[in-house]
């Protein structure tokens, strides 16, 4: 009698309490950060990047940009995940509402609608962090074409696994790519380390409302 192979669950790499605190702090900072290329940012925050000619990003992880909070909550529950409110502007679904992926899923709300979808994961093995970023960046490039911004600046001393987080924290290393549209939409993928030695990978989808929200707050 033949046996069926059961699908393997998609799980996040285990992170300690300190690493999770770093991730949450980075999320809280992100909602006050203007998306790259946003026309609502000042010239310093909105560099003149090459605009993508690909179709606008619709969303990710089973959620769509501009969908209402109630609709997003229903999507989360319908997929068997748990919905939680982190703050007035930030909510979390315990997993993807679509294809299961090893990322935390957070949504920023602007006037009650999803204006940013933030996928994040803790990279336990810093030696694999840049390779992990490269794999995600390659997948996004296949979908959206050449990024308007691509920085993979990792000096020799920073390439060592034990040094990468500190270099990212200090700004001595930069690993990010961004696709921007003239409408104010943006997709970014980057490595960051709010506090060494924790390396985080962020994939962020933004619509124009995210830039308007930051501009309205005067940030």
Protein backbone atom coordinates (compact mmCIF):
# COMPACT_ATOMS: atom_id res chain seq x y z
CA UNK A 1 0.00 0.00 0.00
CA UNK A 2 1.47 3.34 -1.04
CA UNK A 3 1.95 6.13 1.42
CA UNK A 4 1.24 9.82 0.93
CA UNK A 5 3.94 12.33 1.64
CA UNK A 6 2.62 14.99 3.97
CA UNK A 7 3.61 18.60 3.19
CA UNK A 8 6.22 19.98 5.54
CA UNK A 9 5.07 22.92 7.65
CA UNK A 10 6.62 26.29 6.90
CA UNK A 11 8.27 27.52 10.06
CA UNK A 12 10.29 30.55 11.06
CA UNK A 13 13.78 30.18 12.41
CA UNK A 14 13.64 30.27 16.22
CA UNK A 15 14.49 33.66 17.67
CA UNK A 16 15.24 34.50 21.27
CA UNK A 17 13.42 37.14 23.26
CA UNK A 18 16.05 39.80 22.50
CA UNK A 19 15.90 39.15 18.75
CA UNK A 20 12.10 39.41 18.78
CA UNK A 21 12.28 42.67 20.71
CA UNK A 22 14.64 43.98 18.03
CA UNK A 23 12.23 42.94 15.28
CA UNK A 24 9.29 44.69 16.95
CA UNK A 25 11.31 47.86 17.49
CA UNK A 26 12.35 47.85 13.85
CA UNK A 27 8.70 47.50 12.83
CA UNK A 28 7.68 50.43 15.00
CA UNK A 29 10.39 52.56 13.37
CA UNK A 30 9.34 51.41 9.91
CA UNK A 31 5.83 52.85 10.14
CA UNK A 32 7.41 56.30 10.58
CA UNK A 33 9.75 55.85 7.62
CA UNK A 34 8.81 57.27 4.24
CA UNK A 35 8.94 54.69 1.43
CA UNK A 36 11.78 55.18 -1.03
CA UNK A 37 10.70 57.19 -4.03
CA UNK A 38 7.53 58.52 -2.43
CA UNK A 39 6.50 61.86 -4.01
CA UNK A 40 5.25 62.93 -0.58
CA UNK A 41 8.72 62.79 0.97
CA UNK A 42 11.25 65.58 0.99
CA UNK A 43 13.97 65.50 -1.63
CA UNK A 44 16.35 64.00 0.92
CA UNK A 45 14.01 61.09 1.61
CA UNK A 46 12.91 60.52 -1.98
CA UNK A 47 15.98 60.01 -4.16
CA UNK A 48 15.41 60.14 -7.89
CA UNK A 49 15.38 56.43 -8.56
CA UNK A 50 14.67 54.70 -11.83
CA UNK A 51 10.92 54.05 -11.95
CA UNK A 52 9.71 50.54 -12.62
CA UNK A 53 7.67 49.92 -15.77
CA UNK A 54 6.28 46.66 -14.37
CA UNK A 55 2.64 46.43 -13.26
CA UNK A 56 1.99 47.95 -9.84
CA UNK A 57 2.48 45.64 -6.86
CA UNK A 58 -0.88 44.33 -5.70
CA UNK A 59 0.16 42.88 -2.37
CA UNK A 60 1.79 39.89 -0.72
CA UNK A 61 1.18 37.03 1.70
CA UNK A 62 -2.50 36.87 0.77
CA UNK A 63 -3.16 40.55 1.50
CA UNK A 64 -3.70 43.43 -0.90
CA UNK A 65 -2.57 47.01 -0.59
CA UNK A 66 -5.47 49.40 0.04
CA UNK A 67 -7.78 46.64 1.32
CA UNK A 68 -9.80 47.58 4.40
CA UNK A 69 -8.77 46.51 7.88
CA UNK A 70 -11.95 44.42 8.22
CA UNK A 71 -11.27 42.63 4.95
CA UNK A 72 -7.66 41.95 5.94
CA UNK A 73 -8.81 40.58 9.28
CA UNK A 74 -11.27 38.28 7.54
CA UNK A 75 -8.53 37.04 5.19
CA UNK A 76 -6.30 36.30 8.18
CA UNK A 77 -8.96 34.35 10.07
CA UNK A 78 -10.12 32.51 6.94
CA UNK A 79 -6.61 31.16 6.47
CA UNK A 80 -6.59 29.75 10.00
CA UNK A 81 -4.24 32.38 11.38
CA UNK A 82 -4.55 34.67 14.40
CA UNK A 83 -5.08 38.43 14.15
CA UNK A 84 -3.57 40.77 16.74
CA UNK A 85 -3.28 44.53 17.12
CA UNK A 86 0.23 45.77 17.87
CA UNK A 87 -0.59 49.48 17.92
CA UNK A 88 -3.00 52.00 16.42
CA UNK A 89 -1.26 51.75 13.05
CA UNK A 90 0.18 48.24 13.08
CA UNK A 91 -1.50 44.84 13.12
CA UNK A 92 -0.19 41.31 12.74
CA UNK A 93 -1.47 38.11 11.19
CA UNK A 94 0.27 35.08 12.69
CA UNK A 95 1.09 33.83 9.20
CA UNK A 96 0.47 34.35 5.52
CA UNK A 97 -3.16 34.39 4.39
CA UNK A 98 -2.00 32.91 1.08
CA UNK A 99 0.88 30.59 0.27
CA UNK A 100 2.66 29.76 3.50
CA UNK A 101 6.04 31.46 3.77
CA UNK A 102 8.57 31.64 6.62
CA UNK A 103 7.92 35.29 7.47
CA UNK A 104 6.17 37.27 10.15
CA UNK A 105 3.34 39.24 8.52
CA UNK A 106 2.55 42.76 9.71
CA UNK A 107 0.25 45.31 8.12
CA UNK A 108 0.40 49.07 8.52
CA UNK A 109 -2.95 50.84 8.42
CA UNK A 110 -3.52 54.31 7.00
CA UNK A 111 -7.05 55.66 7.54
CA UNK A 112 -8.31 52.12 8.12
CA UNK A 113 -6.78 50.59 5.00
CA UNK A 114 -3.63 48.53 4.44
CA UNK A 115 -0.91 50.86 3.19
CA UNK A 116 2.12 48.71 3.94
CA UNK A 117 2.67 44.94 4.05
CA UNK A 118 5.79 44.04 6.01
CA UNK A 119 7.32 40.57 5.84
CA UNK A 120 10.14 39.98 8.29
CA UNK A 121 12.29 37.14 9.49
CA UNK A 122 15.16 36.65 11.88
CA UNK A 123 18.23 35.14 10.22
CA UNK A 124 19.84 32.97 12.88
CA UNK A 125 22.95 32.22 10.81
CA UNK A 126 24.44 35.59 9.84
CA UNK A 127 26.74 33.79 7.39
CA UNK A 128 23.67 33.02 5.25
CA UNK A 129 22.01 36.43 5.57
CA UNK A 130 23.34 37.99 2.35
CA UNK A 131 22.58 34.81 0.39
CA UNK A 132 19.04 34.84 1.76
CA UNK A 133 18.64 38.49 0.74
CA UNK A 134 20.00 37.66 -2.73
CA UNK A 135 17.46 34.88 -3.20
CA UNK A 136 14.53 37.16 -2.33
CA UNK A 137 15.93 40.04 -4.41
CA UNK A 138 16.32 37.71 -7.40
CA UNK A 139 12.71 36.59 -7.13
CA UNK A 140 11.47 40.17 -6.98
CA UNK A 141 13.68 41.15 -9.93
CA UNK A 142 12.15 38.33 -11.96
CA UNK A 143 8.73 39.83 -11.26
CA UNK A 144 9.45 43.57 -11.35
CA UNK A 145 12.62 43.85 -13.43
CA UNK A 146 15.80 45.66 -12.50
CA UNK A 147 15.53 47.50 -9.17
CA UNK A 148 15.78 51.28 -9.15
CA UNK A 149 18.16 50.98 -6.21
CA UNK A 150 20.51 48.11 -5.46
CA UNK A 151 23.13 48.29 -2.75
CA UNK A 152 25.21 45.27 -1.82
CA UNK A 153 28.09 46.89 -0.03
CA UNK A 154 29.75 44.48 2.36
CA UNK A 155 33.43 45.36 2.96
CA UNK A 156 35.82 42.49 3.58
CA UNK A 157 35.87 42.90 7.35
CA UNK A 158 32.06 42.92 7.40
CA UNK A 159 31.75 39.73 5.38
CA UNK A 160 32.62 37.66 8.42
CA UNK A 161 29.48 36.21 10.01
CA UNK A 162 30.33 37.57 13.45
CA UNK A 163 30.88 41.07 12.05
CA UNK A 164 27.96 41.54 9.65
CA UNK A 165 25.34 42.59 12.19
CA UNK A 166 27.61 45.22 13.71
CA UNK A 167 28.46 46.60 10.28
CA UNK A 168 24.77 46.82 9.34
CA UNK A 169 23.98 48.54 12.62
CA UNK A 170 26.73 51.14 12.11
CA UNK A 171 25.97 51.61 8.41
CA UNK A 172 29.36 50.24 7.34
CA UNK A 173 27.50 47.64 5.27
CA UNK A 174 24.36 48.20 3.16
CA UNK A 175 22.32 45.40 1.66
CA UNK A 176 19.07 46.53 0.07
CA UNK A 177 17.16 46.76 -3.19
CA UNK A 178 14.09 48.81 -4.08
CA UNK A 179 11.56 49.05 -6.89
CA UNK A 180 9.59 52.29 -7.08
CA UNK A 181 6.78 53.54 -9.28
CA UNK A 182 5.78 57.07 -10.18
CA UNK A 183 2.50 56.50 -8.35
CA UNK A 184 4.25 56.26 -4.97
CA UNK A 185 4.15 52.45 -4.77
CA UNK A 186 7.36 50.74 -3.64
CA UNK A 187 8.78 47.31 -2.88
CA UNK A 188 11.96 46.98 -0.85
CA UNK A 189 14.06 44.10 0.46
CA UNK A 190 16.85 44.76 2.91
CA UNK A 191 18.96 43.42 5.72
CA UNK A 192 19.21 45.35 8.91
CA UNK A 193 20.47 44.84 12.43
CA UNK A 194 18.79 47.17 14.94
CA UNK A 195 21.07 45.71 17.61
CA UNK A 196 23.99 43.40 16.87
CA UNK A 197 24.22 40.43 16.63
CA UNK A 198 20.63 40.07 15.38
CA UNK A 199 20.23 40.21 11.58
CA UNK A 200 16.74 40.74 10.19
CA UNK A 201 15.43 40.43 6.64
CA UNK A 202 12.58 42.77 5.67
CA UNK A 203 10.43 42.72 2.54
CA UNK A 204 8.11 45.73 2.39
CA UNK A 205 5.27 46.54 -0.02
CA UNK A 206 3.98 50.13 0.20
CA UNK A 207 1.24 52.08 -1.52
CA UNK A 208 1.02 55.90 -1.87
CA UNK A 209 -0.93 56.28 1.38
CA UNK A 210 2.13 55.22 3.39
CA UNK A 211 4.11 58.21 2.13
CA UNK A 212 1.19 60.57 2.69
CA UNK A 213 0.81 59.32 6.26
CA UNK A 214 4.46 59.98 7.10
CA UNK A 215 4.31 63.40 5.42
CA UNK A 216 1.16 64.30 7.39
CA UNK A 217 2.95 63.44 10.64
CA UNK A 218 5.77 65.76 9.69
CA UNK A 219 8.36 62.98 9.96
